[in-house]
């Protein structure tokens, strides 16, 4: 990512990067370990317009100069790109398969999950993690989750998904140990679905 930007107009990041990134990282790891559980990140700083607070917290915690990022076209703004470049240094890529992380603001218009990097036999851990912004983490069609980290079963009712999305998630799970991991955010809140989770 290489753009010119005015430092005076770059939104703030973590005030105490070490402590705050550790706090967010613990919640992210808990979210991956307990699929479908919703976590609050309201203490994170306000990111630029177009990014949800929870998405900004994920970026500040996980993105760096070694993690290529695919940005939704709706996030190709001076404010967002300048903020990511200044605080994270993450290079931007044009092709979904090149991305370590993808920040999706408009899911209905975004590439299919299968278009992102699913990893390979040598490096299954180098797949893309998608951070998907939604209107709400509740109020949508309810699905049942099973798999590692879920005692018997859990439910999730994400709002704002595109038609056929849960079918994409089922196909993604069928490729395990390959596949992408999903982080869903809405405002200050976050939940996650690792590729190991099965949608019933």
Foldseek 3Di string as FASTA:
>chain_A
DDDDDDPVLAFDFDPPLVVLLVVLVVVVVLQAQAFPDKDFQVVGGDADPLDARNRRSCLLNPAACVFEEEEDPVQPDRRNVVNSCVRHVHHYDPFQQVGQEYEARQQQPDDQQVRHHQADPVGNVSTYEYEYEAQDFDDADKWWKDFRNYPGIDITGTPNHHPCNLVSLQVQLVPPVTGYWYWYDHHRMIHTDGSGMHID
